[in-house]
Amino acid sequence: MTYEYGPPSCPIEETLMAIQEGLMREYRAEYLPAHRRSSRRTRRLRRIRGWSRETGRLVSGIGRVKRETLPRIERDTGHTFRDQDGLLRILMDNSTRRLFFGILTGFPEDALQVPAKDLDMLGRFPDDARALALIGDVTLRLKVLPGPHAEVAGLAALSDRWELHESKLGLACRHRPTGDDLAQEKETLAGAVLGLLYVEGGTDALRAAVPLL
C-alpha cells in the first residue's frame, strides 16, 4: 500500500503514546494463560510486549530531548523552533524502522487507532537527517559562508556541544559506531539541525549559528 507523505496526524509524542496504549490493549485482548497458549501465541505476545517497551523508551527519550537538548540548541542559536517535532525527526535512529514497520505489518490498519500512514511516516523519519544535512551544507556554502567552496568545519564538535548523538531516539545501544563512522554520524546530525534552522528561520537563523562552528 502507498501512503501519503507529510507530518503525522498528531505530534510524534502523542502518536507514540496512542501506539503504546493500543499495543497494550491488543496484548490484553490476545492474552491467554501460559498453559493454554500455543507456541505461536506465546511468540506473538512477546513481540507485542517488546514493541510496547520500545515505544515507551521512545516516549521517555522524547521527554529528555524536550527538556534538555532542544533548550540547549535554542539558547545557542537564539532561535525558538515552531515545531519541536522537526528535531525529533532528525534524532530518530535507524533502529526505529524495524519497530514501526513491524507494528504496521503486525496488525490490521484499524487495530491501534493510529492511521497506518502515520506508522509508515514514523518508519521513514531516519531519512530526514540526511536530507536536512544536505540542505544545511548547501545553504551554508552558497548563502552564508564566503564562496561556494568554503569549508564547513566543526560539525562533529557542534554535535558534541548539543549532545545530539547522545540524544538519538531508538535502540542505538545495539549499534554504536566508532571512529570515522561516529564522526560522520555526528556531522550529519549537526548539519541536519543547521538545515532545520534554515527551513524554519531562513538565512538569518542559519547565520546566527555560524560562530558556533
Protein backbone atom coordinates (compact mmCIF):
# COMPACT_ATOMS: atom_id res chain seq x y z
CA MET A 1 0.00 0.00 0.00
CA THR A 2 1.20 3.53 -0.77
CA TYR A 3 0.89 6.14 1.96
CA GLU A 4 0.91 9.91 1.88
CA TYR A 5 3.91 11.94 2.99
CA GLY A 6 3.94 14.90 5.35
CA PRO A 7 3.56 15.34 9.09
CA PRO A 8 1.70 12.75 11.17
CA SER A 9 -1.90 13.46 12.11
CA CYS A 10 -0.80 14.28 15.70
CA PRO A 11 2.50 15.34 17.31
CA ILE A 12 5.00 12.49 17.45
CA GLU A 13 4.84 12.11 21.23
CA GLU A 14 1.04 11.85 21.19
CA THR A 15 1.19 9.37 18.32
CA LEU A 16 3.65 7.15 20.19
CA MET A 17 1.55 7.24 23.36
CA ALA A 18 -1.51 6.21 21.33
CA ILE A 19 0.50 3.38 19.75
CA GLN A 20 1.63 2.15 23.17
CA GLU A 21 -1.90 2.28 24.53
CA GLY A 22 -3.17 0.35 21.51
CA LEU A 23 -0.44 -2.27 21.87
CA MET A 24 -1.30 -2.91 25.49
CA ARG A 25 -4.99 -3.14 24.62
CA GLU A 26 -4.22 -5.71 21.94
CA TYR A 27 -1.96 -7.60 24.36
CA ARG A 28 -4.75 -7.87 26.89
CA ALA A 29 -7.22 -8.95 24.19
CA GLU A 30 -4.91 -11.72 22.94
CA TYR A 31 -3.60 -12.86 26.32
CA LEU A 32 -4.09 -16.43 27.46
CA PRO A 33 -2.57 -18.19 30.49
CA ALA A 34 0.69 -19.95 29.62
CA HIS A 35 -0.77 -23.48 29.83
CA ARG A 36 -3.44 -22.58 27.26
CA ARG A 37 -1.17 -20.88 24.74
CA SER A 38 0.31 -22.27 21.59
CA SER A 39 3.98 -21.52 20.94
CA ARG A 40 2.84 -19.20 18.18
CA ARG A 41 0.60 -17.27 20.60
CA THR A 42 3.48 -17.00 23.08
CA ARG A 43 5.78 -15.55 20.41
CA ARG A 44 3.06 -13.13 19.37
CA LEU A 45 2.55 -11.87 22.93
CA ARG A 46 6.29 -11.45 23.45
CA ARG A 47 6.52 -9.46 20.24
CA ILE A 48 3.68 -7.14 21.24
CA ARG A 49 5.17 -6.67 24.72
CA GLY A 50 8.55 -5.86 23.15
CA TRP A 51 7.02 -3.30 20.80
CA SER A 52 5.28 -1.68 23.76
CA ARG A 53 8.53 -1.43 25.75
CA GLU A 54 10.41 0.05 22.81
CA THR A 55 7.66 2.60 22.20
CA GLY A 56 7.74 3.54 25.87
CA ARG A 57 11.51 4.12 25.66
CA LEU A 58 10.96 6.44 22.71
CA VAL A 59 8.40 8.45 24.67
CA SER A 60 10.87 8.72 27.55
CA GLY A 61 13.64 9.80 25.18
CA ILE A 62 11.42 12.45 23.62
CA GLY A 63 10.79 13.90 27.07
CA ARG A 64 14.55 14.15 27.63
CA VAL A 65 15.08 15.84 24.25
CA LYS A 66 12.41 18.41 25.01
CA ARG A 67 13.78 19.12 28.50
CA GLU A 68 17.48 19.20 27.67
CA THR A 69 18.54 19.02 24.01
CA LEU A 70 16.06 21.40 22.45
CA PRO A 71 16.58 24.22 25.02
CA ARG A 72 20.36 23.81 24.61
CA ILE A 73 20.13 24.41 20.86
CA GLU A 74 17.67 27.28 21.23
CA ARG A 75 19.91 29.05 23.77
CA ASP A 76 22.94 28.77 21.49
CA THR A 77 21.22 29.86 18.30
CA GLY A 78 18.63 32.32 19.62
CA HIS A 79 16.02 30.55 17.52
CA THR A 80 12.84 29.11 19.05
CA PHE A 81 11.60 26.19 16.99
CA ARG A 82 7.99 26.49 15.95
CA ASP A 83 7.66 22.74 15.52
CA GLN A 84 9.51 20.63 18.08
CA ASP A 85 8.82 17.52 16.00
CA GLY A 86 11.42 18.68 13.48
CA LEU A 87 14.26 17.93 15.87
CA LEU A 88 12.66 14.64 16.93
CA ARG A 89 12.55 13.50 13.32
CA ILE A 90 16.26 14.26 12.96
CA LEU A 91 17.11 12.25 16.07
CA MET A 92 15.15 9.12 15.09
CA ASP A 93 17.64 6.25 14.89
CA ASN A 94 17.58 3.72 12.04
CA SER A 95 16.53 1.06 14.55
CA THR A 96 13.08 2.65 14.71
CA ARG A 97 12.39 1.46 11.16
CA ARG A 98 12.15 -2.13 12.37
CA LEU A 99 9.89 -1.12 15.24
CA PHE A 100 7.35 0.89 13.26
CA PHE A 101 7.30 -1.27 10.15
CA GLY A 102 6.98 -4.35 12.39
CA ILE A 103 3.95 -2.86 14.14
CA LEU A 104 2.49 -1.78 10.80
CA THR A 105 2.66 -5.30 9.40
CA GLY A 106 1.64 -6.94 12.68
CA PHE A 107 -1.88 -5.53 12.97
CA PRO A 108 -4.88 -4.66 10.80
CA GLU A 109 -4.90 -0.98 9.91
CA ASP A 110 -7.69 -0.11 12.35
CA ALA A 111 -6.39 -2.10 15.34
CA LEU A 112 -4.23 0.53 17.04
CA GLN A 113 -6.35 3.62 16.43
CA VAL A 114 -3.36 5.28 14.73
CA PRO A 115 -3.52 5.92 10.97
CA ALA A 116 -1.37 3.46 9.04
CA LYS A 117 0.18 6.34 7.14
CA ASP A 118 1.46 7.76 10.44
CA LEU A 119 3.21 4.50 11.28
CA ASP A 120 4.67 4.45 7.77
CA MET A 121 5.96 8.01 8.17
CA LEU A 122 7.47 7.26 11.59
CA GLY A 123 9.41 4.43 9.99
CA ARG A 124 10.81 6.76 7.35
CA PHE A 125 11.92 9.58 9.69
CA PRO A 126 15.59 8.42 9.86
CA ASP A 127 15.93 9.68 6.26
CA ASP A 128 15.13 13.24 7.40
CA ALA A 129 18.55 13.81 9.00
CA ARG A 130 20.41 13.13 5.74
CA ALA A 131 18.09 15.33 3.69
CA LEU A 132 18.29 18.25 6.13
CA ALA A 133 22.07 17.88 6.48
CA LEU A 134 22.37 18.33 2.71
CA ILE A 135 20.17 21.45 2.90
CA GLY A 136 22.29 22.84 5.74
CA ASP A 137 25.57 22.17 3.92
CA VAL A 138 24.48 23.64 0.59
CA THR A 139 22.89 26.70 2.17
CA LEU A 140 25.95 27.42 4.29
CA ARG A 141 28.21 27.25 1.26
CA LEU A 142 26.04 29.24 -1.12
CA LYS A 143 24.29 31.80 1.08
CA VAL A 144 26.20 32.23 4.34
CA LEU A 145 29.90 31.42 4.10
CA PRO A 146 32.25 33.30 1.77
CA GLY A 147 32.20 31.42 -1.52
CA PRO A 148 30.72 28.12 -2.75
CA HIS A 149 33.93 26.23 -1.89
CA ALA A 150 34.11 27.38 1.72
CA GLU A 151 34.95 24.66 4.19
CA VAL A 152 32.13 23.66 6.56
CA ALA A 153 34.13 22.54 9.59
CA GLY A 154 33.38 21.91 13.23
CA LEU A 155 30.15 19.97 12.78
CA ALA A 156 31.21 16.99 14.91
CA ALA A 157 32.21 19.37 17.70
CA LEU A 158 28.88 21.15 17.37
CA SER A 159 27.11 17.80 17.70
CA ASP A 160 29.07 17.17 20.89
CA ARG A 161 28.19 20.63 22.20
CA TRP A 162 24.48 19.92 21.72
CA GLU A 163 24.84 16.22 22.69
CA LEU A 164 22.93 15.21 19.58
CA HIS A 165 24.34 11.71 19.26
CA GLU A 166 23.62 11.04 22.92
CA SER A 167 20.04 12.23 22.36
CA LYS A 168 19.23 9.87 19.50
CA LEU A 169 15.87 8.16 19.75
CA GLY A 170 15.87 4.41 19.23
CA LEU A 171 17.91 1.34 20.02
CA ALA A 172 21.32 2.89 19.46
CA CYS A 173 22.74 0.73 22.25
CA ARG A 174 22.62 -2.22 19.82
CA HIS A 175 24.89 -0.49 17.32
CA ARG A 176 27.38 2.12 18.43
CA PRO A 177 29.52 3.41 15.57
CA THR A 178 33.15 4.26 16.24
CA GLY A 179 35.94 6.17 14.55
CA ASP A 180 35.12 7.75 11.21
CA ASP A 181 31.59 6.32 11.20
CA LEU A 182 30.84 8.02 14.51
CA ALA A 183 32.32 11.32 13.33
CA GLN A 184 30.26 11.13 10.13
CA GLU A 185 27.09 10.44 12.08
CA LYS A 186 27.74 13.39 14.37
CA GLU A 187 28.40 15.67 11.39
CA THR A 188 25.14 14.55 9.77
CA LEU A 189 23.14 15.28 12.93
CA ALA A 190 24.65 18.75 13.41
CA GLY A 191 24.25 19.55 9.72
CA ALA A 192 20.62 18.44 9.89
CA VAL A 193 19.95 20.83 12.78
CA LEU A 194 21.50 23.64 10.73
CA GLY A 195 19.30 22.63 7.81
CA LEU A 196 16.26 22.74 10.09
CA LEU A 197 17.28 26.21 11.28
CA TYR A 198 17.32 27.36 7.67
CA VAL A 199 13.98 25.76 6.85
CA GLU A 200 12.34 27.42 9.85
CA GLY A 201 14.19 30.72 10.12
CA GLY A 202 15.89 31.36 6.80
CA THR A 203 19.48 32.51 6.28
CA ASP A 204 19.41 34.84 9.30
CA ALA A 205 18.76 31.95 11.68
CA LEU A 206 21.49 29.89 9.99
CA ARG A 207 23.97 32.78 10.02
CA ALA A 208 23.48 33.20 13.77
CA ALA A 209 24.78 29.65 14.26
CA VAL A 210 27.99 30.11 12.27
CA PRO A 211 30.08 31.40 15.25
CA LEU A 212 29.41 28.04 16.92
CA LEU A 213 31.32 26.16 14.20
